[in-house]
Amino acid sequence: MSNSTAEPSETQSPPRSKALIPLDLLRGFLIGSAELVPGVSGGTIALVTGIYDQLIDSAAHVVGAAKTLITGPNRVQGALRELRRTDWLLIIPALLGMATAVLTIAGVMESFVSSNPELSRGLFFGLVAASIAVPLQMLPRRTARQPVIGGVLALAIPAALAFWMTGLAGGANIENPPLIAVFFAASVAICALVVPGVSGSFLLLAVGLYSTTLSAVSDRDFAYLGVFGLGAVLGLAVFVNILRYLLSNHRWWTLLVMAGLMLGSLRALWPWQAAAEGESKGAGDLVGPYAPTMGPILLALLGAVVVVILIVVESKFASKPKPSRSDQRR
């Protein structure tokens, strides 16, 4: 699986089939929907739907094009070369799907999460719990330089850190935040879009900007959204190349860390929580099951089944391009 060379050739992979555009629109919609839910990461959905590596690689090429255009050498030609390496038949439908989700169901999603906290957390608990299998399935063969105890620590430490951090989100909302704060919050939260197990919505919730941001989307507050977008672009530009390097050169360790983050993030999605006084969002103290009980359990099973179905469907799609390699040799 691997695109680990420093200078990949422009013909390294066959062009993406246009027949996948409807599926990629749906994948983008699911990723955008996940980003609206505190505790769920869009990166997790990208992993499950099988486009994670391609998204990171294409995003890195776009960032590389912008950097080359500014710093050179061969600014125009170098930038065009990077853009030609970008999988636009994946990126454009995925972005359109994500934008559609944010613009159409942001209010509905916030209402569902706020009005039915146990049911919504149950659904996403099952979804994320089943998704942990995805990065573990993607692990390359372990070598002598990757000791078992090191792997256990690479899984356990991020899990503990994510468990601790998700407990910090209090849910207090800031009505009129300074735009500079919005900019930097967006630059950090966007990293969750590309890191499975780290929820951008939960990071916004932790700094009091979750409801404010969703309200800005619903109210079409373009000043707020413009500043948020600029911060997101900056954060993505800085982080995506780091992540691409880690996936190319330290894939075994990176995937274990991702699985650990996903495991720890389940703390935010435990259905039964005692919210802090006066707060309806954020992670509260974990408690034993209380009414409703069967609803969250059934929805957790449903979420897990959905993930299994997505994995099976994606594995079938992933196996289809293989015959096309024979066509390339003609």
C-alpha atoms as a PDB file:
ATOM      1  CA  MET A   1       0.000   0.000   0.000  1.00  0.00           C
ATOM      2  CA  SER A   2       2.341   2.398   0.194  1.00  0.00           C
ATOM      3  CA  ASN A   3       3.331   5.683  -1.584  1.00  0.00           C
ATOM      4  CA  SER A   4       6.518   6.146   0.351  1.00  0.00           C
ATOM      5  CA  THR A   5       8.895   7.479  -2.268  1.00  0.00           C
ATOM      6  CA  ALA A   6       9.965  11.075  -1.956  1.00  0.00           C
ATOM      7  CA  GLU A   7       9.295  11.874  -5.596  1.00  0.00           C
ATOM      8  CA  PRO A   8       6.416   9.760  -6.867  1.00  0.00           C
ATOM      9  CA  SER A   9       6.037   9.695 -10.610  1.00  0.00           C
ATOM     10  CA  GLU A  10       3.005  11.275 -12.172  1.00  0.00           C
ATOM     11  CA  THR A  11       1.878   7.906 -13.555  1.00  0.00           C
ATOM     12  CA  GLN A  12       2.308   6.069 -10.292  1.00  0.00           C
ATOM     13  CA  SER A  13      -1.366   5.168  -9.982  1.00  0.00           C
ATOM     14  CA  PRO A  14      -4.069   4.712 -12.612  1.00  0.00           C
ATOM     15  CA  PRO A  15      -6.681   7.483 -13.005  1.00  0.00           C
ATOM     16  CA  ARG A  16      -9.655   7.170 -10.687  1.00  0.00           C
ATOM     17  CA  SER A  17     -12.796   5.896 -12.368  1.00  0.00           C
ATOM     18  CA  LYS A  18     -15.552   8.457 -12.893  1.00  0.00           C
ATOM     19  CA  ALA A  19     -17.998   5.714 -11.900  1.00  0.00           C
ATOM     20  CA  LEU A  20     -16.821   6.221  -8.302  1.00  0.00           C
ATOM     21  CA  ILE A  21     -17.945   9.871  -8.175  1.00  0.00           C
ATOM     22  CA  PRO A  22     -21.380   9.130  -6.627  1.00  0.00           C
ATOM     23  CA  LEU A  23     -19.731   6.899  -4.022  1.00  0.00           C
ATOM     24  CA  ASP A  24     -17.117   9.565  -3.261  1.00  0.00           C
ATOM     25  CA  LEU A  25     -19.875  12.165  -2.839  1.00  0.00           C
ATOM     26  CA  LEU A  26     -21.475   9.847  -0.268  1.00  0.00           C
ATOM     27  CA  ARG A  27     -18.115   9.289   1.450  1.00  0.00           C
ATOM     28  CA  GLY A  28     -17.614  13.048   1.689  1.00  0.00           C
ATOM     29  CA  PHE A  29     -21.119  13.474   3.072  1.00  0.00           C
ATOM     30  CA  LEU A  30     -20.431  10.873   5.763  1.00  0.00           C
ATOM     31  CA  ILE A  31     -17.100  12.508   6.660  1.00  0.00           C
ATOM     32  CA  GLY A  32     -18.732  15.938   6.921  1.00  0.00           C
ATOM     33  CA  SER A  33     -21.578  14.519   9.005  1.00  0.00           C
ATOM     34  CA  ALA A  34     -19.101  12.892  11.395  1.00  0.00           C
ATOM     35  CA  GLU A  35     -17.278  16.182  11.917  1.00  0.00           C
ATOM     36  CA  LEU A  36     -20.515  17.708  13.219  1.00  0.00           C
ATOM     37  CA  VAL A  37     -20.723  15.215  16.090  1.00  0.00           C
ATOM     38  CA  PRO A  38     -18.613  15.794  19.230  1.00  0.00           C
ATOM     39  CA  GLY A  39     -16.501  12.684  19.819  1.00  0.00           C
ATOM     40  CA  VAL A  40     -16.553  11.425  16.222  1.00  0.00           C
ATOM     41  CA  SER A  41     -13.690  12.091  13.800  1.00  0.00           C
ATOM     42  CA  GLY A  42     -14.039  12.595  10.081  1.00  0.00           C
ATOM     43  CA  GLY A  43     -10.683  10.842   9.771  1.00  0.00           C
ATOM     44  CA  THR A  44     -12.275   7.724  11.245  1.00  0.00           C
ATOM     45  CA  ILE A  45     -14.925   7.714   8.519  1.00  0.00           C
ATOM     46  CA  ALA A  46     -12.280   8.290   5.838  1.00  0.00           C
ATOM     47  CA  LEU A  47     -10.419   5.237   7.142  1.00  0.00           C
ATOM     48  CA  VAL A  48     -13.531   3.078   7.199  1.00  0.00           C
ATOM     49  CA  THR A  49     -14.604   4.101   3.703  1.00  0.00           C
ATOM     50  CA  GLY A  50     -11.139   3.360   2.320  1.00  0.00           C
ATOM     51  CA  ILE A  51     -10.046   6.789   1.049  1.00  0.00           C
ATOM     52  CA  TYR A  52      -7.842   7.910   3.926  1.00  0.00           C
ATOM     53  CA  ASP A  53      -4.434   7.426   2.289  1.00  0.00           C
ATOM     54  CA  GLN A  54      -5.595   8.931  -0.996  1.00  0.00           C
ATOM     55  CA  LEU A  55      -7.016  12.006   0.734  1.00  0.00           C
ATOM     56  CA  ILE A  56      -3.822  12.619   2.704  1.00  0.00           C
ATOM     57  CA  ASP A  57      -1.654  12.121  -0.368  1.00  0.00           C
ATOM     58  CA  SER A  58      -3.762  14.435  -2.543  1.00  0.00           C
ATOM     59  CA  ALA A  59      -3.965  17.100   0.160  1.00  0.00           C
ATOM     60  CA  ALA A  60      -0.174  16.987   0.479  1.00  0.00           C
ATOM     61  CA  HIS A  61       0.176  17.580  -3.271  1.00  0.00           C
ATOM     62  CA  VAL A  62      -2.145  20.619  -3.110  1.00  0.00           C
ATOM     63  CA  VAL A  63      -0.135  22.032  -0.197  1.00  0.00           C
ATOM     64  CA  GLY A  64       3.071  21.276  -2.108  1.00  0.00           C
ATOM     65  CA  ALA A  65       1.747  23.152  -5.142  1.00  0.00           C
ATOM     66  CA  ALA A  66       0.990  26.242  -3.057  1.00  0.00           C
ATOM     67  CA  LYS A  67       4.410  26.085  -1.403  1.00  0.00           C
ATOM     68  CA  THR A  68       6.203  25.687  -4.754  1.00  0.00           C
ATOM     69  CA  LEU A  69       4.235  28.585  -6.247  1.00  0.00           C
ATOM     70  CA  ILE A  70       5.400  30.827  -3.404  1.00  0.00           C
ATOM     71  CA  THR A  71       8.972  29.664  -2.820  1.00  0.00           C
ATOM     72  CA  GLY A  72      10.023  27.993  -6.088  1.00  0.00           C
ATOM     73  CA  PRO A  73      12.034  26.710  -7.808  1.00  0.00           C
ATOM     74  CA  ASN A  74      10.200  26.600 -11.167  1.00  0.00           C
ATOM     75  CA  ARG A  75       7.170  28.094  -9.499  1.00  0.00           C
ATOM     76  CA  VAL A  76       4.523  27.676 -12.173  1.00  0.00           C
ATOM     77  CA  GLN A  77       5.759  24.394 -13.649  1.00  0.00           C
ATOM     78  CA  GLY A  78       6.491  22.930 -10.226  1.00  0.00           C
ATOM     79  CA  ALA A  79       3.040  23.889  -8.925  1.00  0.00           C
ATOM     80  CA  LEU A  80       1.322  22.425 -11.988  1.00  0.00           C
ATOM     81  CA  ARG A  81       3.311  19.211 -11.582  1.00  0.00           C
ATOM     82  CA  GLU A  82       2.085  18.847  -7.993  1.00  0.00           C
ATOM     83  CA  LEU A  83      -1.499  19.611  -9.006  1.00  0.00           C
ATOM     84  CA  ARG A  84      -1.370  16.941 -11.719  1.00  0.00           C
ATOM     85  CA  ARG A  85      -0.483  14.415  -9.020  1.00  0.00           C
ATOM     86  CA  THR A  86      -3.624  15.334  -7.076  1.00  0.00           C
ATOM     87  CA  ASP A  87      -6.528  12.911  -7.371  1.00  0.00           C
ATOM     88  CA  TRP A  88      -9.142  15.518  -8.293  1.00  0.00           C
ATOM     89  CA  LEU A  89     -11.759  12.891  -9.138  1.00  0.00           C
ATOM     90  CA  LEU A  90     -11.649  11.979  -5.445  1.00  0.00           C
ATOM     91  CA  ILE A  91     -10.977  15.369  -3.847  1.00  0.00           C
ATOM     92  CA  ILE A  92     -13.715  17.381  -5.565  1.00  0.00           C
ATOM     93  CA  PRO A  93     -16.613  14.935  -4.940  1.00  0.00           C
ATOM     94  CA  ALA A  94     -15.448  14.357  -1.348  1.00  0.00           C
ATOM     95  CA  LEU A  95     -15.267  18.105  -0.648  1.00  0.00           C
ATOM     96  CA  LEU A  96     -18.672  18.672  -2.246  1.00  0.00           C
ATOM     97  CA  GLY A  97     -20.143  15.898  -0.117  1.00  0.00           C
ATOM     98  CA  MET A  98     -18.602  17.344   3.048  1.00  0.00           C
ATOM     99  CA  ALA A  99     -19.834  20.859   2.249  1.00  0.00           C
ATOM    100  CA  THR A 100     -23.319  19.506   1.543  1.00  0.00           C
ATOM    101  CA  ALA A 101     -23.416  17.760   4.916  1.00  0.00           C
ATOM    102  CA  VAL A 102     -22.255  20.846   6.821  1.00  0.00           C
ATOM    103  CA  LEU A 103     -24.645  23.207   5.043  1.00  0.00           C
ATOM    104  CA  THR A 104     -27.713  20.967   5.145  1.00  0.00           C
ATOM    105  CA  ILE A 105     -27.707  18.955   8.350  1.00  0.00           C
ATOM    106  CA  ALA A 106     -25.655  20.984  10.848  1.00  0.00           C
ATOM    107  CA  GLY A 107     -28.775  22.171  12.664  1.00  0.00           C
ATOM    108  CA  VAL A 108     -30.450  18.762  12.497  1.00  0.00           C
ATOM    109  CA  MET A 109     -27.343  17.034  13.844  1.00  0.00           C
ATOM    110  CA  GLU A 110     -26.971  19.478  16.732  1.00  0.00           C
ATOM    111  CA  SER A 111     -30.648  19.010  17.603  1.00  0.00           C
ATOM    112  CA  PHE A 112     -30.345  15.212  17.500  1.00  0.00           C
ATOM    113  CA  VAL A 113     -27.214  15.190  19.671  1.00  0.00           C
ATOM    114  CA  SER A 114     -28.650  17.703  22.169  1.00  0.00           C
ATOM    115  CA  SER A 115     -32.163  16.234  22.400  1.00  0.00           C
ATOM    116  CA  ASN A 116     -31.173  12.559  22.441  1.00  0.00           C
ATOM    117  CA  PRO A 117     -27.732  12.397  24.073  1.00  0.00           C
ATOM    118  CA  GLU A 118     -27.885   8.750  25.157  1.00  0.00           C
ATOM    119  CA  LEU A 119     -29.226   7.527  21.822  1.00  0.00           C
ATOM    120  CA  SER A 120     -26.819   9.574  19.715  1.00  0.00           C
ATOM    121  CA  ARG A 121     -23.800   8.583  21.817  1.00  0.00           C
ATOM    122  CA  GLY A 122     -24.875   4.932  21.640  1.00  0.00           C
ATOM    123  CA  LEU A 123     -25.006   5.046  17.844  1.00  0.00           C
ATOM    124  CA  PHE A 124     -21.595   6.682  17.476  1.00  0.00           C
ATOM    125  CA  PHE A 125     -20.047   4.535  20.208  1.00  0.00           C
ATOM    126  CA  GLY A 126     -20.784   1.432  18.145  1.00  0.00           C
ATOM    127  CA  LEU A 127     -19.586   3.090  14.971  1.00  0.00           C
ATOM    128  CA  VAL A 128     -16.229   4.210  16.401  1.00  0.00           C
ATOM    129  CA  ALA A 129     -15.659   1.008  18.409  1.00  0.00           C
ATOM    130  CA  ALA A 130     -16.036  -1.140  15.293  1.00  0.00           C
ATOM    131  CA  SER A 131     -13.850   1.278  13.322  1.00  0.00           C
ATOM    132  CA  ILE A 132     -10.829   0.565  15.543  1.00  0.00           C
ATOM    133  CA  ALA A 133     -10.372  -2.636  13.549  1.00  0.00           C
ATOM    134  CA  VAL A 134      -9.621  -0.623  10.394  1.00  0.00           C
ATOM    135  CA  PRO A 135      -6.182   0.825  11.277  1.00  0.00           C
ATOM    136  CA  LEU A 136      -5.253  -2.483  12.893  1.00  0.00           C
ATOM    137  CA  GLN A 137      -6.087  -4.290   9.627  1.00  0.00           C
ATOM    138  CA  MET A 138      -3.922  -1.809   7.734  1.00  0.00           C
ATOM    139  CA  LEU A 139      -0.813  -2.533   9.825  1.00  0.00           C
ATOM    140  CA  PRO A 140       2.149  -3.628   7.711  1.00  0.00           C
ATOM    141  CA  ARG A 141       4.105  -6.716   8.725  1.00  0.00           C
ATOM    142  CA  ARG A 142       5.987  -6.117  11.978  1.00  0.00           C
ATOM    143  CA  THR A 143       9.784  -6.116  11.797  1.00  0.00           C
ATOM    144  CA  ALA A 144      12.522  -6.581  14.384  1.00  0.00           C
ATOM    145  CA  ARG A 145      12.673  -2.781  14.767  1.00  0.00           C
ATOM    146  CA  GLN A 146       9.078  -2.782  15.973  1.00  0.00           C
ATOM    147  CA  PRO A 147       8.987  -4.628  19.324  1.00  0.00           C
ATOM    148  CA  VAL A 148       5.692  -5.893  20.651  1.00  0.00           C
ATOM    149  CA  ILE A 149       6.028  -3.911  23.889  1.00  0.00           C
ATOM    150  CA  GLY A 150       6.610  -0.766  21.826  1.00  0.00           C
ATOM    151  CA  GLY A 151       3.445  -1.461  19.877  1.00  0.00           C
ATOM    152  CA  VAL A 152       1.457  -1.948  23.064  1.00  0.00           C
ATOM    153  CA  LEU A 153       2.719   1.402  24.375  1.00  0.00           C
ATOM    154  CA  ALA A 154       2.018   3.104  21.021  1.00  0.00           C
ATOM    155  CA  LEU A 155      -1.583   1.941  21.398  1.00  0.00           C
ATOM    156  CA  ALA A 156      -2.036   2.441  25.143  1.00  0.00           C
ATOM    157  CA  ILE A 157      -0.467   5.888  25.650  1.00  0.00           C
ATOM    158  CA  PRO A 158      -2.522   7.691  22.963  1.00  0.00           C
ATOM    159  CA  ALA A 159      -5.621   5.874  24.237  1.00  0.00           C
ATOM    160  CA  ALA A 160      -4.998   7.144  27.782  1.00  0.00           C
ATOM    161  CA  LEU A 161      -4.241  10.641  26.501  1.00  0.00           C
ATOM    162  CA  ALA A 162      -7.422  10.764  24.391  1.00  0.00           C
ATOM    163  CA  PHE A 163      -9.459   9.407  27.320  1.00  0.00           C
ATOM    164  CA  TRP A 164      -8.099  12.160  29.580  1.00  0.00           C
ATOM    165  CA  MET A 165      -8.479  14.960  27.029  1.00  0.00           C
ATOM    166  CA  THR A 166     -12.087  14.145  26.176  1.00  0.00           C
ATOM    167  CA  GLY A 167     -12.927  14.624  29.840  1.00  0.00           C
ATOM    168  CA  LEU A 168     -11.790  18.259  29.653  1.00  0.00           C
ATOM    169  CA  ALA A 169     -14.578  19.482  27.375  1.00  0.00           C
ATOM    170  CA  GLY A 170     -17.006  21.321  29.595  1.00  0.00           C
ATOM    171  CA  GLY A 171     -19.542  22.520  27.046  1.00  0.00           C
ATOM    172  CA  ALA A 172     -19.611  26.192  28.130  1.00  0.00           C
ATOM    173  CA  ASN A 173     -20.372  28.268  25.044  1.00  0.00           C
ATOM    174  CA  ILE A 174     -18.726  31.566  24.044  1.00  0.00           C
ATOM    175  CA  GLU A 175     -21.311  33.744  22.312  1.00  0.00           C
ATOM    176  CA  ASN A 176     -19.073  36.377  20.669  1.00  0.00           C
ATOM    177  CA  PRO A 177     -15.527  35.028  20.516  1.00  0.00           C
ATOM    178  CA  PRO A 178     -12.651  37.184  19.212  1.00  0.00           C
ATOM    179  CA  LEU A 179     -12.016  36.346  15.556  1.00  0.00           C
ATOM    180  CA  ILE A 180      -8.344  35.673  16.283  1.00  0.00           C
ATOM    181  CA  ALA A 181      -9.467  32.954  18.725  1.00  0.00           C
ATOM    182  CA  VAL A 182     -11.749  31.520  16.041  1.00  0.00           C
ATOM    183  CA  PHE A 183      -8.807  31.465  13.607  1.00  0.00           C
ATOM    184  CA  PHE A 184      -6.490  29.517  15.900  1.00  0.00           C
ATOM    185  CA  ALA A 185      -9.241  27.191  17.157  1.00  0.00           C
ATOM    186  CA  ALA A 186     -10.053  26.290  13.558  1.00  0.00           C
ATOM    187  CA  SER A 187      -6.384  25.665  12.727  1.00  0.00           C
ATOM    188  CA  VAL A 188      -6.218  23.103  15.542  1.00  0.00           C
ATOM    189  CA  ALA A 189      -9.665  21.572  15.095  1.00  0.00           C
ATOM    190  CA  ILE A 190      -9.109  20.925  11.388  1.00  0.00           C
ATOM    191  CA  CYS A 191      -6.293  18.536  12.276  1.00  0.00           C
ATOM    192  CA  ALA A 192      -8.997  16.232  13.602  1.00  0.00           C
ATOM    193  CA  LEU A 193     -10.313  15.966  10.063  1.00  0.00           C
ATOM    194  CA  VAL A 194      -7.216  13.971   9.145  1.00  0.00           C
ATOM    195  CA  VAL A 195      -6.499  12.201  12.441  1.00  0.00           C
ATOM    196  CA  PRO A 196      -8.804   9.283  13.282  1.00  0.00           C
ATOM    197  CA  GLY A 197      -9.899   9.312  16.905  1.00  0.00           C
ATOM    198  CA  VAL A 198      -9.573  13.076  17.360  1.00  0.00           C
ATOM    199  CA  SER A 199     -12.865  14.910  17.008  1.00  0.00           C
ATOM    200  CA  GLY A 200     -12.787  18.435  15.615  1.00  0.00           C
ATOM    201  CA  SER A 201     -16.239  19.104  17.048  1.00  0.00           C
ATOM    202  CA  PHE A 202     -15.060  17.957  20.458  1.00  0.00           C
ATOM    203  CA  LEU A 203     -12.062  20.279  20.318  1.00  0.00           C
ATOM    204  CA  LEU A 204     -14.408  23.139  19.465  1.00  0.00           C
ATOM    205  CA  LEU A 205     -16.642  22.062  22.318  1.00  0.00           C
ATOM    206  CA  ALA A 206     -13.673  22.136  24.691  1.00  0.00           C
ATOM    207  CA  VAL A 207     -12.930  25.782  23.845  1.00  0.00           C
ATOM    208  CA  GLY A 208     -16.592  26.820  23.815  1.00  0.00           C
ATOM    209  CA  LEU A 209     -16.998  27.296  20.052  1.00  0.00           C
ATOM    210  CA  TYR A 210     -19.045  24.259  19.020  1.00  0.00           C
ATOM    211  CA  SER A 211     -22.551  25.771  19.172  1.00  0.00           C
ATOM    212  CA  THR A 212     -21.229  29.154  18.055  1.00  0.00           C
ATOM    213  CA  THR A 213     -19.732  27.621  14.908  1.00  0.00           C
ATOM    214  CA  LEU A 214     -22.848  25.609  14.049  1.00  0.00           C
ATOM    215  CA  SER A 215     -24.955  28.739  14.567  1.00  0.00           C
ATOM    216  CA  ALA A 216     -22.641  30.648  12.221  1.00  0.00           C
ATOM    217  CA  VAL A 217     -23.231  27.962   9.575  1.00  0.00           C
ATOM    218  CA  SER A 218     -27.010  28.037  10.054  1.00  0.00           C
ATOM    219  CA  ASP A 219     -27.117  31.864  10.079  1.00  0.00           C
ATOM    220  CA  ARG A 220     -24.676  32.187   7.141  1.00  0.00           C
ATOM    221  CA  ASP A 221     -22.326  34.392   9.198  1.00  0.00           C
ATOM    222  CA  PHE A 222     -19.759  34.767   6.421  1.00  0.00           C
ATOM    223  CA  ALA A 223     -17.333  36.903   8.455  1.00  0.00           C
ATOM    224  CA  TYR A 224     -17.060  34.189  11.118  1.00  0.00           C
ATOM    225  CA  LEU A 225     -16.979  31.409   8.529  1.00  0.00           C
ATOM    226  CA  GLY A 226     -14.315  33.203   6.477  1.00  0.00           C
ATOM    227  CA  VAL A 227     -11.976  33.533   9.453  1.00  0.00           C
ATOM    228  CA  PHE A 228     -12.700  29.940  10.468  1.00  0.00           C
ATOM    229  CA  GLY A 229     -11.939  28.781   6.918  1.00  0.00           C
ATOM    230  CA  LEU A 230      -8.612  30.639   6.813  1.00  0.00           C
ATOM    231  CA  GLY A 231      -7.570  29.067  10.109  1.00  0.00           C
ATOM    232  CA  ALA A 232      -8.590  25.636   8.859  1.00  0.00           C
ATOM    233  CA  VAL A 233      -6.536  26.055   5.679  1.00  0.00           C
ATOM    234  CA  LEU A 234      -3.466  27.067   7.673  1.00  0.00           C
ATOM    235  CA  GLY A 235      -3.791  24.165  10.092  1.00  0.00           C
ATOM    236  CA  LEU A 236      -4.329  21.660   7.303  1.00  0.00           C
ATOM    237  CA  ALA A 237      -1.374  22.991   5.295  1.00  0.00           C
ATOM    238  CA  VAL A 238       0.976  22.613   8.258  1.00  0.00           C
ATOM    239  CA  PHE A 239      -0.255  19.259   9.490  1.00  0.00           C
ATOM    240  CA  VAL A 240      -1.006  17.238   6.379  1.00  0.00           C
ATOM    241  CA  ASN A 241       2.618  16.942   5.251  1.00  0.00           C
ATOM    242  CA  ILE A 242       3.667  15.819   8.725  1.00  0.00           C
ATOM    243  CA  LEU A 243       1.019  13.109   8.700  1.00  0.00           C
ATOM    244  CA  ARG A 244       1.897  12.032   5.175  1.00  0.00           C
ATOM    245  CA  TYR A 245       5.543  11.656   6.187  1.00  0.00           C
ATOM    246  CA  LEU A 246       4.590   9.580   9.228  1.00  0.00           C
ATOM    247  CA  LEU A 247       2.321   7.298   7.190  1.00  0.00           C
ATOM    248  CA  SER A 248       5.010   6.806   4.539  1.00  0.00           C
ATOM    249  CA  ASN A 249       8.005   6.326   6.805  1.00  0.00           C
ATOM    250  CA  HIS A 250       6.594   5.135  10.141  1.00  0.00           C
ATOM    251  CA  ARG A 251       3.335   3.540   9.063  1.00  0.00           C
ATOM    252  CA  TRP A 252       3.252   0.746  11.672  1.00  0.00           C
ATOM    253  CA  TRP A 253       3.695   3.138  14.593  1.00  0.00           C
ATOM    254  CA  THR A 254       1.356   5.777  13.146  1.00  0.00           C
ATOM    255  CA  LEU A 255      -1.528   3.364  12.609  1.00  0.00           C
ATOM    256  CA  LEU A 256      -1.177   2.042  16.155  1.00  0.00           C
ATOM    257  CA  VAL A 257      -1.280   5.587  17.522  1.00  0.00           C
ATOM    258  CA  MET A 258      -4.419   6.238  15.453  1.00  0.00           C
ATOM    259  CA  ALA A 259      -6.069   3.096  16.816  1.00  0.00           C
ATOM    260  CA  GLY A 260      -5.167   4.207  20.346  1.00  0.00           C
ATOM    261  CA  LEU A 261      -6.684   7.654  19.812  1.00  0.00           C
ATOM    262  CA  MET A 262      -9.866   6.042  18.512  1.00  0.00           C
ATOM    263  CA  LEU A 263      -9.994   3.729  21.534  1.00  0.00           C
ATOM    264  CA  GLY A 264      -9.542   6.590  23.998  1.00  0.00           C
ATOM    265  CA  SER A 265     -12.122   8.742  22.238  1.00  0.00           C
ATOM    266  CA  LEU A 266     -14.816   6.201  23.176  1.00  0.00           C
ATOM    267  CA  ARG A 267     -14.871   7.877  26.597  1.00  0.00           C
ATOM    268  CA  ALA A 268     -16.718  10.818  24.998  1.00  0.00           C
ATOM    269  CA  LEU A 269     -19.249   8.457  23.412  1.00  0.00           C
ATOM    270  CA  TRP A 270     -20.184   6.288  26.392  1.00  0.00           C
ATOM    271  CA  PRO A 271     -23.988   6.620  26.267  1.00  0.00           C
ATOM    272  CA  TRP A 272     -24.631   7.143  29.961  1.00  0.00           C
ATOM    273  CA  GLN A 273     -22.932  10.186  31.431  1.00  0.00           C
ATOM    274  CA  ALA A 274     -23.672  12.572  34.277  1.00  0.00           C
ATOM    275  CA  ALA A 275     -23.404  16.017  32.684  1.00  0.00           C
ATOM    276  CA  ALA A 276     -22.022  18.850  34.750  1.00  0.00           C
ATOM    277  CA  GLU A 277     -24.638  21.091  36.332  1.00  0.00           C
ATOM    278  CA  GLY A 278     -26.233  23.428  33.803  1.00  0.00           C
ATOM    279  CA  GLU A 279     -24.533  21.806  30.808  1.00  0.00           C
ATOM    280  CA  SER A 280     -26.053  19.600  28.127  1.00  0.00           C
ATOM    281  CA  LYS A 281     -22.956  18.987  26.010  1.00  0.00           C
ATOM    282  CA  GLY A 282     -19.465  17.731  26.619  1.00  0.00           C
ATOM    283  CA  ALA A 283     -18.248  14.635  28.402  1.00  0.00           C
ATOM    284  CA  GLY A 284     -19.617  14.168  31.874  1.00  0.00           C
ATOM    285  CA  ASP A 285     -18.748  11.606  34.529  1.00  0.00           C
ATOM    286  CA  LEU A 286     -19.170   8.043  33.308  1.00  0.00           C
ATOM    287  CA  VAL A 287     -21.993   6.204  35.064  1.00  0.00           C
ATOM    288  CA  GLY A 288     -23.741   2.863  34.755  1.00  0.00           C
ATOM    289  CA  PRO A 289     -26.691   2.369  32.401  1.00  0.00           C
ATOM    290  CA  TYR A 290     -29.894   4.225  33.199  1.00  0.00           C
ATOM    291  CA  ALA A 291     -33.094   4.703  31.186  1.00  0.00           C
ATOM    292  CA  PRO A 292     -33.060   4.585  28.239  1.00  0.00           C
ATOM    293  CA  THR A 293     -30.964   1.427  28.163  1.00  0.00           C
ATOM    294  CA  MET A 294     -32.044  -0.725  25.222  1.00  0.00           C
ATOM    295  CA  GLY A 295     -32.134   2.171  22.763  1.00  0.00           C
ATOM    296  CA  PRO A 296     -28.420   3.068  23.090  1.00  0.00           C
ATOM    297  CA  ILE A 297     -27.408  -0.614  23.054  1.00  0.00           C
ATOM    298  CA  LEU A 298     -29.398  -1.363  19.886  1.00  0.00           C
ATOM    299  CA  LEU A 299     -28.101   1.768  18.186  1.00  0.00           C
ATOM    300  CA  ALA A 300     -24.529   0.858  19.165  1.00  0.00           C
ATOM    301  CA  LEU A 301     -25.023  -2.515  17.489  1.00  0.00           C
ATOM    302  CA  LEU A 302     -26.499  -0.762  14.464  1.00  0.00           C
ATOM    303  CA  GLY A 303     -23.479   1.568  14.271  1.00  0.00           C
ATOM    304  CA  ALA A 304     -21.111  -1.401  14.417  1.00  0.00           C
ATOM    305  CA  VAL A 305     -23.057  -3.233  11.700  1.00  0.00           C
ATOM    306  CA  VAL A 306     -22.943  -0.155   9.454  1.00  0.00           C
ATOM    307  CA  VAL A 307     -19.154  -0.031   9.816  1.00  0.00           C
ATOM    308  CA  VAL A 308     -18.818  -3.734   9.003  1.00  0.00           C
ATOM    309  CA  ILE A 309     -20.947  -3.252   5.883  1.00  0.00           C
ATOM    310  CA  LEU A 310     -18.858  -0.247   4.810  1.00  0.00           C
ATOM    311  CA  ILE A 311     -15.649  -2.246   5.304  1.00  0.00           C
ATOM    312  CA  VAL A 312     -16.977  -5.169   3.234  1.00  0.00           C
ATOM    313  CA  VAL A 313     -18.218  -2.874   0.434  1.00  0.00           C
ATOM    314  CA  GLU A 314     -14.947  -0.942   0.396  1.00  0.00           C
ATOM    315  CA  SER A 315     -12.872  -4.129   0.268  1.00  0.00           C
ATOM    316  CA  LYS A 316     -14.797  -5.193  -2.837  1.00  0.00           C
ATOM    317  CA  PHE A 317     -14.251  -1.822  -4.490  1.00  0.00           C
ATOM    318  CA  ALA A 318     -10.566  -1.907  -3.528  1.00  0.00           C
ATOM    319  CA  SER A 319     -10.129  -5.247  -5.266  1.00  0.00           C
ATOM    320  CA  LYS A 320     -11.592  -4.020  -8.561  1.00  0.00           C
ATOM    321  CA  PRO A 321      -8.729  -1.781  -9.810  1.00  0.00           C
ATOM    322  CA  LYS A 322      -6.239  -4.657  -9.814  1.00  0.00           C
ATOM    323  CA  PRO A 323      -7.119  -5.941 -13.320  1.00  0.00           C
ATOM    324  CA  SER A 324      -6.475  -2.443 -14.740  1.00  0.00           C
ATOM    325  CA  ARG A 325      -2.762  -2.879 -14.178  1.00  0.00           C
ATOM    326  CA  SER A 326      -2.667  -5.320 -17.065  1.00  0.00           C
ATOM    327  CA  ASP A 327      -4.172  -2.607 -19.229  1.00  0.00           C
ATOM    328  CA  GLN A 328      -1.326  -0.272 -18.275  1.00  0.00           C
ATOM    329  CA  ARG A 329       1.225  -2.733 -19.595  1.00  0.00           C
ATOM    330  CA  ARG A 330      -0.330  -2.793 -23.080  1.00  0.00           C
END
